[in-house]
Amino acid sequence: MRRRMTEKASLVEQIRTAAAKRVLFLPHAVRQMSRPERMISTAEVREVLVGGEAIEEYPDDPRGPSALLLGHGPGGRAIHVVAAPKEEYAAVITAYVPDPAIWSEDMKTRRES
């Protein structure tokens, strides 16, 4: 279940706190980041974790609560990062460049199917 973020949630602060300790890039995230059309760096993902805007949260994810954050890379390129706070690190589940066919112009809201 996904839930639209309406205000800063404690989940986002938990992700930021965990990311300050350590960031773990899960294999799926590494595969998505390294796709030739994306080439998202670990530094870009870290920037999103620190300063990105939370746009959705997934409190009931079977792997544990997580959130979708929106940030921007070089040249203003939008980057989405899904991360989950753990005790000693922030787990980056995926990172990708959002598709304008799926996301609104500001990349914050999913378009209706």
N, C-alpha and C. Protein backbone atom coordinates (compact mmCIF):
# COMPACT_ATOMS: atom_id res chain seq x y z
N MET A 1 0.85 -1.18 0.00
CA MET A 1 0.00 0.00 0.00
C MET A 1 0.89 1.24 0.00
N ARG A 2 0.58 2.16 -0.86
CA ARG A 2 1.34 3.40 -0.86
C ARG A 2 0.43 4.51 -0.35
N ARG A 3 1.04 5.48 0.27
CA ARG A 3 0.28 6.59 0.83
C ARG A 3 0.97 7.88 0.41
N ARG A 4 0.20 8.81 -0.08
CA ARG A 4 0.72 10.11 -0.49
C ARG A 4 1.16 10.87 0.74
N MET A 5 2.32 11.51 0.66
CA MET A 5 2.83 12.29 1.80
C MET A 5 2.13 13.64 1.82
N THR A 6 1.65 14.03 2.97
CA THR A 6 1.01 15.32 3.11
C THR A 6 1.83 16.25 4.00
N GLU A 7 2.69 15.69 4.79
CA GLU A 7 3.56 16.48 5.65
C GLU A 7 4.79 15.64 5.96
N LYS A 8 5.79 16.30 6.51
CA LYS A 8 7.00 15.55 6.88
C LYS A 8 6.64 14.48 7.89
N ALA A 9 7.04 13.28 7.58
CA ALA A 9 6.75 12.16 8.47
C ALA A 9 8.01 11.78 9.23
N SER A 10 7.83 11.20 10.38
CA SER A 10 8.98 10.75 11.16
C SER A 10 9.78 9.70 10.41
N LEU A 11 9.14 8.99 9.49
CA LEU A 11 9.83 7.99 8.69
C LEU A 11 10.96 8.63 7.89
N VAL A 12 10.73 9.79 7.34
CA VAL A 12 11.76 10.49 6.56
C VAL A 12 12.92 10.89 7.46
N GLU A 13 12.62 11.36 8.64
CA GLU A 13 13.69 11.71 9.58
C GLU A 13 14.48 10.47 9.98
N GLN A 14 13.79 9.35 10.12
CA GLN A 14 14.48 8.09 10.43
C GLN A 14 15.43 7.70 9.30
N ILE A 15 14.99 7.89 8.07
CA ILE A 15 15.85 7.59 6.91
C ILE A 15 17.06 8.50 6.92
N ARG A 16 16.86 9.79 7.15
CA ARG A 16 17.98 10.74 7.17
C ARG A 16 18.97 10.40 8.29
N THR A 17 18.46 10.06 9.46
CA THR A 17 19.32 9.71 10.58
C THR A 17 20.12 8.45 10.27
N ALA A 18 19.45 7.45 9.71
CA ALA A 18 20.13 6.21 9.35
C ALA A 18 21.17 6.44 8.26
N ALA A 19 20.84 7.29 7.28
CA ALA A 19 21.76 7.58 6.17
C ALA A 19 23.01 8.31 6.67
N ALA A 20 22.87 9.08 7.74
CA ALA A 20 24.03 9.77 8.30
C ALA A 20 25.03 8.78 8.88
N LYS A 21 24.55 7.60 9.28
CA LYS A 21 25.43 6.56 9.82
C LYS A 21 26.10 5.79 8.68
N ARG A 22 25.25 5.32 7.75
CA ARG A 22 25.74 4.47 6.66
C ARG A 22 24.63 4.28 5.64
N VAL A 23 25.01 4.07 4.38
CA VAL A 23 24.03 3.81 3.33
C VAL A 23 24.38 2.47 2.68
N LEU A 24 23.40 1.59 2.61
CA LEU A 24 23.57 0.29 1.97
C LEU A 24 22.74 0.29 0.68
N PHE A 25 23.39 0.06 -0.44
CA PHE A 25 22.71 -0.01 -1.74
C PHE A 25 22.37 -1.46 -2.03
N LEU A 26 21.09 -1.80 -2.02
CA LEU A 26 20.67 -3.17 -2.30
C LEU A 26 20.92 -3.49 -3.77
N PRO A 27 21.08 -4.78 -4.11
CA PRO A 27 21.41 -5.15 -5.50
C PRO A 27 20.46 -4.58 -6.55
N HIS A 28 19.16 -4.56 -6.25
CA HIS A 28 18.20 -4.00 -7.21
C HIS A 28 18.51 -2.52 -7.48
N ALA A 29 18.83 -1.78 -6.44
CA ALA A 29 19.15 -0.36 -6.60
C ALA A 29 20.38 -0.19 -7.48
N VAL A 30 21.40 -0.98 -7.24
CA VAL A 30 22.63 -0.89 -8.03
C VAL A 30 22.33 -1.18 -9.50
N ARG A 31 21.54 -2.20 -9.77
CA ARG A 31 21.17 -2.52 -11.16
C ARG A 31 20.42 -1.36 -11.81
N GLN A 32 19.47 -0.78 -11.08
CA GLN A 32 18.68 0.33 -11.64
C GLN A 32 19.54 1.57 -11.87
N MET A 33 20.42 1.86 -10.93
CA MET A 33 21.27 3.05 -11.02
C MET A 33 22.27 2.94 -12.17
N SER A 34 22.71 1.73 -12.48
CA SER A 34 23.76 1.56 -13.47
C SER A 34 23.24 1.31 -14.89
N ARG A 35 21.94 1.36 -15.09
CA ARG A 35 21.41 1.21 -16.45
C ARG A 35 21.95 2.36 -17.29
N PRO A 36 22.40 2.08 -18.51
CA PRO A 36 23.05 3.11 -19.34
C PRO A 36 22.25 4.39 -19.52
N GLU A 37 20.94 4.29 -19.60
CA GLU A 37 20.13 5.50 -19.80
C GLU A 37 19.93 6.29 -18.51
N ARG A 38 20.38 5.74 -17.39
CA ARG A 38 20.21 6.41 -16.10
C ARG A 38 21.53 6.90 -15.54
N MET A 39 22.45 5.98 -15.28
CA MET A 39 23.76 6.30 -14.72
C MET A 39 23.64 7.27 -13.53
N ILE A 40 22.98 6.80 -12.49
CA ILE A 40 22.80 7.59 -11.27
C ILE A 40 23.95 7.24 -10.32
N SER A 41 24.64 8.25 -9.84
CA SER A 41 25.78 8.01 -8.96
C SER A 41 25.34 7.83 -7.51
N THR A 42 26.20 7.20 -6.73
CA THR A 42 25.92 7.05 -5.31
C THR A 42 25.85 8.42 -4.64
N ALA A 43 26.66 9.37 -5.11
CA ALA A 43 26.63 10.73 -4.55
C ALA A 43 25.26 11.38 -4.79
N GLU A 44 24.67 11.16 -5.96
CA GLU A 44 23.34 11.72 -6.25
C GLU A 44 22.30 11.12 -5.31
N VAL A 45 22.38 9.81 -5.09
CA VAL A 45 21.42 9.15 -4.20
C VAL A 45 21.58 9.68 -2.78
N ARG A 46 22.81 9.84 -2.33
CA ARG A 46 23.05 10.38 -0.99
C ARG A 46 22.46 11.79 -0.85
N GLU A 47 22.58 12.59 -1.90
CA GLU A 47 22.00 13.95 -1.88
C GLU A 47 20.48 13.88 -1.72
N VAL A 48 19.86 12.94 -2.43
CA VAL A 48 18.40 12.79 -2.31
C VAL A 48 18.03 12.35 -0.89
N LEU A 49 18.80 11.43 -0.33
CA LEU A 49 18.51 10.96 1.03
C LEU A 49 18.59 12.11 2.05
N VAL A 50 19.54 12.99 1.87
CA VAL A 50 19.76 14.09 2.81
C VAL A 50 18.77 15.23 2.60
N GLY A 51 18.52 15.58 1.33
CA GLY A 51 17.73 16.78 1.08
C GLY A 51 16.50 16.61 0.22
N GLY A 52 16.20 15.37 -0.16
CA GLY A 52 15.05 15.14 -1.04
C GLY A 52 13.72 15.33 -0.33
N GLU A 53 12.70 15.45 -1.12
CA GLU A 53 11.33 15.64 -0.62
C GLU A 53 10.61 14.29 -0.61
N ALA A 54 10.02 13.93 0.51
CA ALA A 54 9.24 12.70 0.61
C ALA A 54 7.92 12.90 -0.13
N ILE A 55 7.64 12.00 -1.08
CA ILE A 55 6.40 12.14 -1.84
C ILE A 55 5.42 10.99 -1.63
N GLU A 56 5.92 9.84 -1.17
CA GLU A 56 5.05 8.71 -0.81
C GLU A 56 5.72 7.96 0.33
N GLU A 57 4.91 7.28 1.10
CA GLU A 57 5.48 6.38 2.11
C GLU A 57 4.77 5.04 2.00
N TYR A 58 5.50 4.01 2.40
CA TYR A 58 5.01 2.65 2.32
C TYR A 58 5.17 2.01 3.71
N PRO A 59 4.30 2.37 4.65
CA PRO A 59 4.45 1.90 6.03
C PRO A 59 4.24 0.39 6.20
N ASP A 60 3.53 -0.23 5.27
CA ASP A 60 3.19 -1.65 5.40
C ASP A 60 4.03 -2.55 4.51
N ASP A 61 5.12 -2.05 3.96
CA ASP A 61 5.97 -2.87 3.10
C ASP A 61 6.47 -4.08 3.89
N PRO A 62 6.40 -5.28 3.33
CA PRO A 62 6.83 -6.48 4.07
C PRO A 62 8.30 -6.44 4.48
N ARG A 63 9.12 -5.67 3.76
CA ARG A 63 10.55 -5.56 4.12
C ARG A 63 10.78 -4.52 5.20
N GLY A 64 9.72 -3.82 5.59
CA GLY A 64 9.82 -2.77 6.59
C GLY A 64 9.41 -1.45 5.98
N PRO A 65 9.02 -0.49 6.81
CA PRO A 65 8.58 0.81 6.31
C PRO A 65 9.64 1.46 5.43
N SER A 66 9.17 2.12 4.36
CA SER A 66 10.07 2.82 3.45
C SER A 66 9.36 4.04 2.90
N ALA A 67 10.12 4.88 2.20
CA ALA A 67 9.55 6.09 1.63
C ALA A 67 10.19 6.36 0.27
N LEU A 68 9.42 7.02 -0.58
CA LEU A 68 9.89 7.47 -1.89
C LEU A 68 10.25 8.94 -1.77
N LEU A 69 11.50 9.25 -2.10
CA LEU A 69 11.99 10.63 -2.03
C LEU A 69 12.30 11.13 -3.43
N LEU A 70 12.05 12.41 -3.65
CA LEU A 70 12.35 13.07 -4.91
C LEU A 70 13.46 14.07 -4.68
N GLY A 71 14.47 14.00 -5.52
CA GLY A 71 15.56 14.97 -5.50
C GLY A 71 15.96 15.27 -6.92
N HIS A 72 16.98 16.09 -7.08
CA HIS A 72 17.42 16.47 -8.42
C HIS A 72 18.93 16.34 -8.54
N GLY A 73 19.35 15.83 -9.68
CA GLY A 73 20.77 15.66 -9.97
C GLY A 73 21.27 16.80 -10.83
N PRO A 74 22.43 16.59 -11.45
CA PRO A 74 23.00 17.61 -12.31
C PRO A 74 22.03 18.04 -13.41
N GLY A 75 21.98 19.32 -13.68
CA GLY A 75 21.09 19.83 -14.71
C GLY A 75 19.63 19.80 -14.33
N GLY A 76 19.34 19.53 -13.06
CA GLY A 76 17.94 19.50 -12.62
C GLY A 76 17.23 18.18 -12.89
N ARG A 77 17.95 17.15 -13.28
CA ARG A 77 17.34 15.85 -13.57
C ARG A 77 16.68 15.30 -12.31
N ALA A 78 15.39 14.94 -12.43
CA ALA A 78 14.66 14.36 -11.30
C ALA A 78 15.16 12.95 -11.01
N ILE A 79 15.29 12.63 -9.72
CA ILE A 79 15.70 11.30 -9.30
C ILE A 79 14.78 10.86 -8.16
N HIS A 80 14.24 9.66 -8.28
CA HIS A 80 13.44 9.05 -7.22
C HIS A 80 14.29 8.01 -6.51
N VAL A 81 14.21 7.99 -5.18
CA VAL A 81 14.92 7.01 -4.37
C VAL A 81 13.92 6.44 -3.37
N VAL A 82 13.85 5.12 -3.30
CA VAL A 82 13.06 4.45 -2.27
C VAL A 82 14.06 3.91 -1.25
N ALA A 83 13.87 4.30 0.01
CA ALA A 83 14.80 3.90 1.06
C ALA A 83 14.03 3.51 2.32
N ALA A 84 14.70 2.67 3.12
CA ALA A 84 14.12 2.20 4.38
C ALA A 84 15.15 2.40 5.49
N PRO A 85 14.69 2.93 6.63
CA PRO A 85 15.62 3.09 7.75
C PRO A 85 15.82 1.77 8.48
N LYS A 86 17.06 1.47 8.78
CA LYS A 86 17.41 0.31 9.60
C LYS A 86 18.18 0.86 10.80
N GLU A 87 18.46 0.01 11.76
CA GLU A 87 19.11 0.46 12.98
C GLU A 87 20.45 1.14 12.72
N GLU A 88 21.28 0.54 11.87
CA GLU A 88 22.64 1.04 11.64
C GLU A 88 22.87 1.65 10.27
N TYR A 89 21.85 1.67 9.40
CA TYR A 89 22.04 2.18 8.04
C TYR A 89 20.70 2.49 7.38
N ALA A 90 20.77 3.21 6.28
CA ALA A 90 19.60 3.39 5.42
C ALA A 90 19.77 2.45 4.24
N ALA A 91 18.77 1.64 3.98
CA ALA A 91 18.80 0.71 2.85
C ALA A 91 18.16 1.39 1.64
N VAL A 92 18.94 1.51 0.57
CA VAL A 92 18.41 2.06 -0.68
C VAL A 92 17.85 0.88 -1.47
N ILE A 93 16.54 0.87 -1.62
CA ILE A 93 15.84 -0.23 -2.28
C ILE A 93 15.91 -0.07 -3.79
N THR A 94 15.69 1.15 -4.26
CA THR A 94 15.81 1.44 -5.69
C THR A 94 16.06 2.93 -5.89
N ALA A 95 16.57 3.25 -7.05
CA ALA A 95 16.77 4.64 -7.46
C ALA A 95 16.60 4.68 -8.97
N TYR A 96 15.86 5.67 -9.45
CA TYR A 96 15.59 5.73 -10.88
C TYR A 96 15.23 7.15 -11.29
N VAL A 97 15.27 7.37 -12.59
CA VAL A 97 14.82 8.63 -13.17
C VAL A 97 13.35 8.41 -13.51
N PRO A 98 12.43 9.17 -12.91
CA PRO A 98 11.01 8.92 -13.13
C PRO A 98 10.58 9.16 -14.58
N ASP A 99 9.67 8.33 -15.03
CA ASP A 99 9.14 8.39 -16.39
C ASP A 99 8.01 9.43 -16.46
N PRO A 100 8.12 10.43 -17.32
CA PRO A 100 7.06 11.46 -17.44
C PRO A 100 5.71 10.89 -17.86
N ALA A 101 5.70 9.70 -18.46
CA ALA A 101 4.43 9.07 -18.83
C ALA A 101 3.70 8.55 -17.59
N ILE A 102 4.44 8.31 -16.52
CA ILE A 102 3.86 7.76 -15.28
C ILE A 102 3.68 8.84 -14.22
N TRP A 103 4.57 9.84 -14.23
CA TRP A 103 4.58 10.87 -13.19
C TRP A 103 4.16 12.22 -13.74
N SER A 104 3.55 13.04 -12.89
CA SER A 104 3.16 14.40 -13.25
C SER A 104 4.39 15.22 -13.62
N GLU A 105 4.17 16.39 -14.16
CA GLU A 105 5.27 17.24 -14.61
C GLU A 105 6.28 17.55 -13.51
N ASP A 106 5.80 17.71 -12.27
CA ASP A 106 6.70 17.98 -11.16
C ASP A 106 7.31 16.70 -10.56
N MET A 107 6.96 15.55 -11.11
CA MET A 107 7.46 14.23 -10.70
C MET A 107 7.07 13.84 -9.28
N LYS A 108 6.00 14.46 -8.76
CA LYS A 108 5.57 14.18 -7.39
C LYS A 108 4.31 13.34 -7.30
N THR A 109 3.54 13.25 -8.37
CA THR A 109 2.26 12.57 -8.33
C THR A 109 2.16 11.60 -9.50
N ARG A 110 1.71 10.39 -9.21
CA ARG A 110 1.50 9.41 -10.29
C ARG A 110 0.29 9.84 -11.12
N ARG A 111 0.44 9.70 -12.43
CA ARG A 111 -0.68 10.00 -13.34
C ARG A 111 -1.71 8.89 -13.21
N GLU A 112 -2.95 9.22 -13.45
CA GLU A 112 -4.02 8.23 -13.43
C GLU A 112 -3.84 7.30 -14.63
N SER A 113 -4.06 6.01 -14.40
CA SER A 113 -3.90 5.01 -15.48
C SER A 113 -5.01 5.07 -16.48
